[in-house]
N, C-alpha and C. Protein backbone atom coordinates (compact mmCIF):
# COMPACT_ATOMS: atom_id res chain seq x y z
N MET A 1 17.02 52.23 27.18
CA MET A 1 15.87 51.99 26.35
C MET A 1 14.64 52.05 27.24
N THR A 2 13.64 52.80 26.82
CA THR A 2 12.42 52.92 27.61
C THR A 2 11.49 51.76 27.32
N GLY A 3 10.48 51.62 28.14
CA GLY A 3 9.50 50.55 27.96
C GLY A 3 8.80 50.65 26.62
N ALA A 4 8.49 51.85 26.16
CA ALA A 4 7.80 52.04 24.89
C ALA A 4 8.68 51.62 23.72
N ALA A 5 9.98 51.83 23.83
CA ALA A 5 10.88 51.46 22.75
C ALA A 5 11.09 49.96 22.68
N ARG A 6 10.93 49.26 23.79
CA ARG A 6 11.14 47.81 23.81
C ARG A 6 10.00 47.03 23.16
N ILE A 7 8.80 47.55 23.19
CA ILE A 7 7.64 46.83 22.67
C ILE A 7 7.78 46.52 21.18
N PRO A 8 8.11 47.50 20.30
CA PRO A 8 8.25 47.15 18.89
C PRO A 8 9.35 46.11 18.65
N VAL A 9 10.43 46.17 19.41
CA VAL A 9 11.51 45.20 19.26
C VAL A 9 11.02 43.81 19.65
N MET A 10 10.25 43.72 20.74
CA MET A 10 9.74 42.43 21.18
C MET A 10 8.73 41.87 20.17
N VAL A 11 7.86 42.72 19.62
CA VAL A 11 6.87 42.28 18.64
C VAL A 11 7.59 41.78 17.39
N SER A 12 8.62 42.50 16.97
CA SER A 12 9.39 42.09 15.80
C SER A 12 10.07 40.75 16.03
N ALA A 13 10.62 40.55 17.20
CA ALA A 13 11.28 39.29 17.53
C ALA A 13 10.28 38.14 17.54
N LEU A 14 9.10 38.35 18.11
CA LEU A 14 8.07 37.31 18.13
C LEU A 14 7.58 36.99 16.72
N ALA A 15 7.44 38.00 15.87
CA ALA A 15 6.99 37.77 14.50
C ALA A 15 8.01 36.95 13.73
N SER A 16 9.30 37.19 13.95
CA SER A 16 10.31 36.42 13.24
C SER A 16 10.34 34.97 13.70
N LEU A 17 9.93 34.70 14.94
CA LEU A 17 9.86 33.33 15.43
C LEU A 17 8.61 32.61 14.93
N ALA A 18 7.54 33.35 14.69
CA ALA A 18 6.27 32.74 14.29
C ALA A 18 6.30 32.27 12.84
N ALA A 19 7.05 32.91 11.97
CA ALA A 19 7.06 32.54 10.55
C ALA A 19 7.51 31.09 10.33
N PRO A 20 8.63 30.64 10.91
CA PRO A 20 9.01 29.24 10.69
C PRO A 20 8.01 28.26 11.30
N LEU A 21 7.37 28.63 12.39
CA LEU A 21 6.40 27.74 13.02
C LEU A 21 5.15 27.59 12.18
N ALA A 22 4.80 28.61 11.42
CA ALA A 22 3.62 28.54 10.56
C ALA A 22 3.79 27.48 9.49
N ALA A 23 5.02 27.22 9.07
CA ALA A 23 5.28 26.21 8.06
C ALA A 23 5.03 24.80 8.60
N CYS A 24 4.96 24.65 9.91
CA CYS A 24 4.73 23.34 10.52
C CYS A 24 3.25 23.00 10.63
N GLY A 25 2.39 23.95 10.32
CA GLY A 25 0.96 23.73 10.46
C GLY A 25 0.40 22.85 9.37
N PRO A 26 -0.89 22.53 9.46
CA PRO A 26 -1.51 21.68 8.45
C PRO A 26 -1.48 22.32 7.07
N VAL A 27 -1.43 21.48 6.05
CA VAL A 27 -1.50 21.94 4.67
C VAL A 27 -2.86 21.52 4.11
N SER A 28 -3.19 21.99 2.93
CA SER A 28 -4.46 21.60 2.32
C SER A 28 -4.45 20.11 2.00
N VAL A 29 -5.63 19.52 1.90
CA VAL A 29 -5.74 18.10 1.57
C VAL A 29 -5.13 17.85 0.20
N GLU A 30 -5.33 18.75 -0.74
CA GLU A 30 -4.78 18.60 -2.09
C GLU A 30 -3.27 18.52 -2.06
N GLN A 31 -2.64 19.43 -1.30
CA GLN A 31 -1.18 19.45 -1.20
C GLN A 31 -0.68 18.19 -0.49
N ALA A 32 -1.35 17.78 0.56
CA ALA A 32 -0.95 16.58 1.29
C ALA A 32 -1.06 15.34 0.40
N GLU A 33 -2.13 15.26 -0.39
CA GLU A 33 -2.28 14.12 -1.29
C GLU A 33 -1.14 14.06 -2.30
N ALA A 34 -0.76 15.20 -2.84
CA ALA A 34 0.33 15.24 -3.82
C ALA A 34 1.65 14.81 -3.18
N GLU A 35 1.93 15.31 -1.98
CA GLU A 35 3.18 14.97 -1.29
C GLU A 35 3.20 13.50 -0.87
N CYS A 36 2.07 12.98 -0.44
CA CYS A 36 2.02 11.61 0.07
C CYS A 36 1.93 10.57 -1.04
N PHE A 37 1.54 10.97 -2.24
CA PHE A 37 1.45 10.05 -3.36
C PHE A 37 2.83 9.45 -3.66
N ASP A 38 3.87 10.28 -3.64
CA ASP A 38 5.23 9.78 -3.89
C ASP A 38 5.67 8.79 -2.82
N ARG A 39 5.31 9.06 -1.59
CA ARG A 39 5.67 8.14 -0.52
C ARG A 39 4.98 6.79 -0.71
N ALA A 40 3.72 6.81 -1.14
CA ALA A 40 2.99 5.58 -1.40
C ALA A 40 3.60 4.81 -2.57
N ARG A 41 4.04 5.52 -3.61
CA ARG A 41 4.70 4.87 -4.75
C ARG A 41 5.97 4.16 -4.30
N LEU A 42 6.73 4.78 -3.42
CA LEU A 42 7.96 4.14 -2.93
C LEU A 42 7.65 2.97 -2.01
N ALA A 43 6.49 2.97 -1.36
CA ALA A 43 6.10 1.85 -0.52
C ALA A 43 5.70 0.65 -1.37
N ALA A 44 5.26 0.91 -2.61
CA ALA A 44 4.83 -0.16 -3.51
C ALA A 44 6.01 -0.86 -4.17
N ALA A 45 7.03 -0.10 -4.55
CA ALA A 45 8.18 -0.68 -5.26
C ALA A 45 9.33 0.32 -5.27
N PRO A 46 10.55 -0.17 -5.35
CA PRO A 46 11.69 0.75 -5.49
C PRO A 46 11.59 1.50 -6.82
N ARG A 47 12.19 2.65 -6.87
CA ARG A 47 12.22 3.46 -8.09
C ARG A 47 13.68 3.71 -8.44
N GLY A 48 13.95 3.84 -9.73
CA GLY A 48 15.31 4.10 -10.15
C GLY A 48 15.39 4.66 -11.55
N SER A 49 16.59 5.08 -11.91
CA SER A 49 16.84 5.58 -13.26
C SER A 49 18.28 5.25 -13.64
N ILE A 50 18.48 5.13 -14.94
CA ILE A 50 19.82 4.86 -15.48
C ILE A 50 20.08 5.87 -16.59
N GLU A 51 21.29 6.43 -16.59
CA GLU A 51 21.70 7.36 -17.64
C GLU A 51 22.97 6.81 -18.28
N LEU A 52 22.95 6.69 -19.59
CA LEU A 52 24.12 6.26 -20.34
C LEU A 52 24.39 7.26 -21.43
N GLY A 53 25.64 7.53 -21.68
CA GLY A 53 25.99 8.48 -22.73
C GLY A 53 27.42 8.30 -23.19
N VAL A 54 27.67 8.77 -24.39
CA VAL A 54 29.01 8.75 -24.95
C VAL A 54 29.27 10.12 -25.53
N GLY A 55 30.42 10.65 -25.21
CA GLY A 55 30.82 11.94 -25.73
C GLY A 55 32.28 11.93 -26.13
N THR A 56 32.79 13.09 -26.48
CA THR A 56 34.19 13.17 -26.90
C THR A 56 35.13 12.83 -25.76
N GLY A 57 34.68 12.98 -24.55
CA GLY A 57 35.52 12.67 -23.39
C GLY A 57 35.40 11.23 -22.92
N GLY A 58 34.60 10.43 -23.59
CA GLY A 58 34.42 9.04 -23.20
C GLY A 58 32.99 8.76 -22.81
N GLY A 59 32.78 7.62 -22.19
CA GLY A 59 31.45 7.19 -21.80
C GLY A 59 31.04 7.71 -20.44
N ILE A 60 29.75 7.82 -20.25
CA ILE A 60 29.19 8.27 -18.97
C ILE A 60 28.10 7.28 -18.57
N ALA A 61 28.11 6.89 -17.31
CA ALA A 61 27.06 6.01 -16.79
C ALA A 61 26.71 6.46 -15.38
N ASN A 62 25.44 6.70 -15.14
CA ASN A 62 24.95 7.07 -13.82
C ASN A 62 23.70 6.26 -13.53
N PHE A 63 23.51 5.93 -12.27
CA PHE A 63 22.26 5.29 -11.88
C PHE A 63 21.85 5.79 -10.51
N ASP A 64 20.55 5.73 -10.28
CA ASP A 64 19.98 6.21 -9.03
C ASP A 64 18.87 5.23 -8.64
N ILE A 65 18.84 4.84 -7.39
CA ILE A 65 17.78 3.95 -6.92
C ILE A 65 17.28 4.45 -5.57
N ALA A 66 15.97 4.37 -5.38
CA ALA A 66 15.35 4.78 -4.12
C ALA A 66 14.52 3.62 -3.58
N VAL A 67 14.83 3.20 -2.37
CA VAL A 67 14.10 2.12 -1.71
C VAL A 67 13.67 2.65 -0.34
N SER A 68 12.38 2.57 -0.05
CA SER A 68 11.91 3.09 1.24
C SER A 68 11.84 1.98 2.28
N SER A 69 11.90 2.38 3.53
CA SER A 69 11.74 1.41 4.61
C SER A 69 10.32 0.84 4.62
N ASP A 70 9.35 1.61 4.13
CA ASP A 70 7.98 1.11 4.03
C ASP A 70 7.92 -0.09 3.08
N TYR A 71 8.65 -0.03 1.98
CA TYR A 71 8.70 -1.15 1.03
C TYR A 71 9.41 -2.35 1.68
N LEU A 72 10.53 -2.09 2.31
CA LEU A 72 11.31 -3.18 2.91
C LEU A 72 10.54 -3.92 4.01
N THR A 73 9.67 -3.20 4.71
CA THR A 73 8.89 -3.83 5.79
C THR A 73 7.52 -4.32 5.32
N GLY A 74 7.24 -4.19 4.02
CA GLY A 74 5.99 -4.71 3.47
C GLY A 74 4.75 -3.93 3.84
N GLN A 75 4.88 -2.64 4.07
CA GLN A 75 3.72 -1.82 4.43
C GLN A 75 2.79 -1.65 3.23
N ASP A 76 1.50 -1.57 3.50
CA ASP A 76 0.49 -1.35 2.46
C ASP A 76 0.57 0.11 1.99
N PRO A 77 0.80 0.35 0.69
CA PRO A 77 0.88 1.73 0.21
C PRO A 77 -0.37 2.56 0.52
N ALA A 78 -1.55 1.96 0.50
CA ALA A 78 -2.78 2.70 0.79
C ALA A 78 -2.81 3.15 2.25
N ALA A 79 -2.34 2.30 3.15
CA ALA A 79 -2.30 2.68 4.57
C ALA A 79 -1.28 3.79 4.79
N ILE A 80 -0.15 3.71 4.10
CA ILE A 80 0.88 4.77 4.19
C ILE A 80 0.29 6.08 3.69
N TYR A 81 -0.39 6.04 2.55
CA TYR A 81 -1.00 7.23 1.95
C TYR A 81 -2.04 7.85 2.87
N ASP A 82 -2.95 7.03 3.40
CA ASP A 82 -4.00 7.53 4.29
C ASP A 82 -3.41 8.20 5.53
N ALA A 83 -2.46 7.53 6.16
CA ALA A 83 -1.85 8.08 7.39
C ALA A 83 -1.08 9.36 7.09
N CYS A 84 -0.37 9.39 5.98
CA CYS A 84 0.43 10.56 5.62
C CYS A 84 -0.46 11.77 5.36
N VAL A 85 -1.53 11.58 4.56
CA VAL A 85 -2.44 12.70 4.25
C VAL A 85 -3.10 13.21 5.52
N THR A 86 -3.55 12.30 6.37
CA THR A 86 -4.20 12.71 7.62
C THR A 86 -3.24 13.45 8.53
N GLN A 87 -1.99 12.99 8.60
CA GLN A 87 -0.99 13.65 9.44
C GLN A 87 -0.67 15.05 8.92
N LYS A 88 -0.55 15.21 7.61
CA LYS A 88 -0.16 16.50 7.05
C LYS A 88 -1.30 17.52 7.01
N SER A 89 -2.54 17.04 6.78
CA SER A 89 -3.66 17.98 6.58
C SER A 89 -4.66 17.99 7.73
N GLY A 90 -4.65 16.93 8.54
CA GLY A 90 -5.65 16.82 9.58
C GLY A 90 -6.97 16.27 9.06
N GLN A 91 -7.00 15.88 7.78
CA GLN A 91 -8.21 15.34 7.16
C GLN A 91 -7.84 14.07 6.39
N PRO A 92 -8.81 13.18 6.21
CA PRO A 92 -8.52 11.99 5.40
C PRO A 92 -8.43 12.37 3.92
N PRO A 93 -7.84 11.51 3.10
CA PRO A 93 -7.80 11.79 1.66
C PRO A 93 -9.20 11.89 1.07
N ARG A 94 -9.35 12.66 0.01
CA ARG A 94 -10.64 12.81 -0.65
C ARG A 94 -11.02 11.55 -1.41
N GLN A 95 -10.03 10.75 -1.78
CA GLN A 95 -10.25 9.55 -2.57
C GLN A 95 -9.24 8.50 -2.14
N PRO A 96 -9.64 7.24 -1.99
CA PRO A 96 -8.69 6.20 -1.62
C PRO A 96 -7.59 6.05 -2.68
N LEU A 97 -6.41 5.68 -2.25
CA LEU A 97 -5.27 5.57 -3.15
C LEU A 97 -5.55 4.65 -4.33
N TYR A 98 -6.10 3.46 -4.06
CA TYR A 98 -6.28 2.47 -5.12
C TYR A 98 -7.36 2.84 -6.12
N SER A 99 -8.18 3.84 -5.82
CA SER A 99 -9.19 4.28 -6.78
C SER A 99 -8.75 5.51 -7.58
N ARG A 100 -7.55 6.02 -7.31
CA ARG A 100 -7.02 7.15 -8.09
C ARG A 100 -6.65 6.66 -9.48
N THR A 101 -6.99 7.46 -10.50
CA THR A 101 -6.70 7.05 -11.88
C THR A 101 -5.19 7.09 -12.17
N ASP A 102 -4.42 7.87 -11.43
CA ASP A 102 -2.98 7.94 -11.67
C ASP A 102 -2.18 6.90 -10.88
N TRP A 103 -2.86 6.05 -10.10
CA TRP A 103 -2.16 5.01 -9.33
C TRP A 103 -1.89 3.81 -10.23
N LYS A 104 -0.64 3.40 -10.29
CA LYS A 104 -0.28 2.26 -11.11
C LYS A 104 0.46 1.21 -10.29
N GLY A 105 0.31 1.26 -8.96
CA GLY A 105 1.03 0.34 -8.08
C GLY A 105 0.49 -1.02 -8.19
């Protein structure tokens, strides 16, 4: 293989390595706020669901519960939200958690 033939192969290899690394970069503040809102909700209280049903095959019961370590250690959901948004986007949230109209914590 000549030197000229190796260059496209090397560029292609570097490009394939760069794509996964680009996903590690900062996201928009809007996206970070949306992702971090769920984490703040779990810091405020555990979340769960229950499913009950009856069919020809008998009864069905399922339950799911989510408890975060932030809740167990008593972390402030607003502090979790602020730190998460800043870490993901490199910018502070546009609005404090407790002043969001969709916050019910």
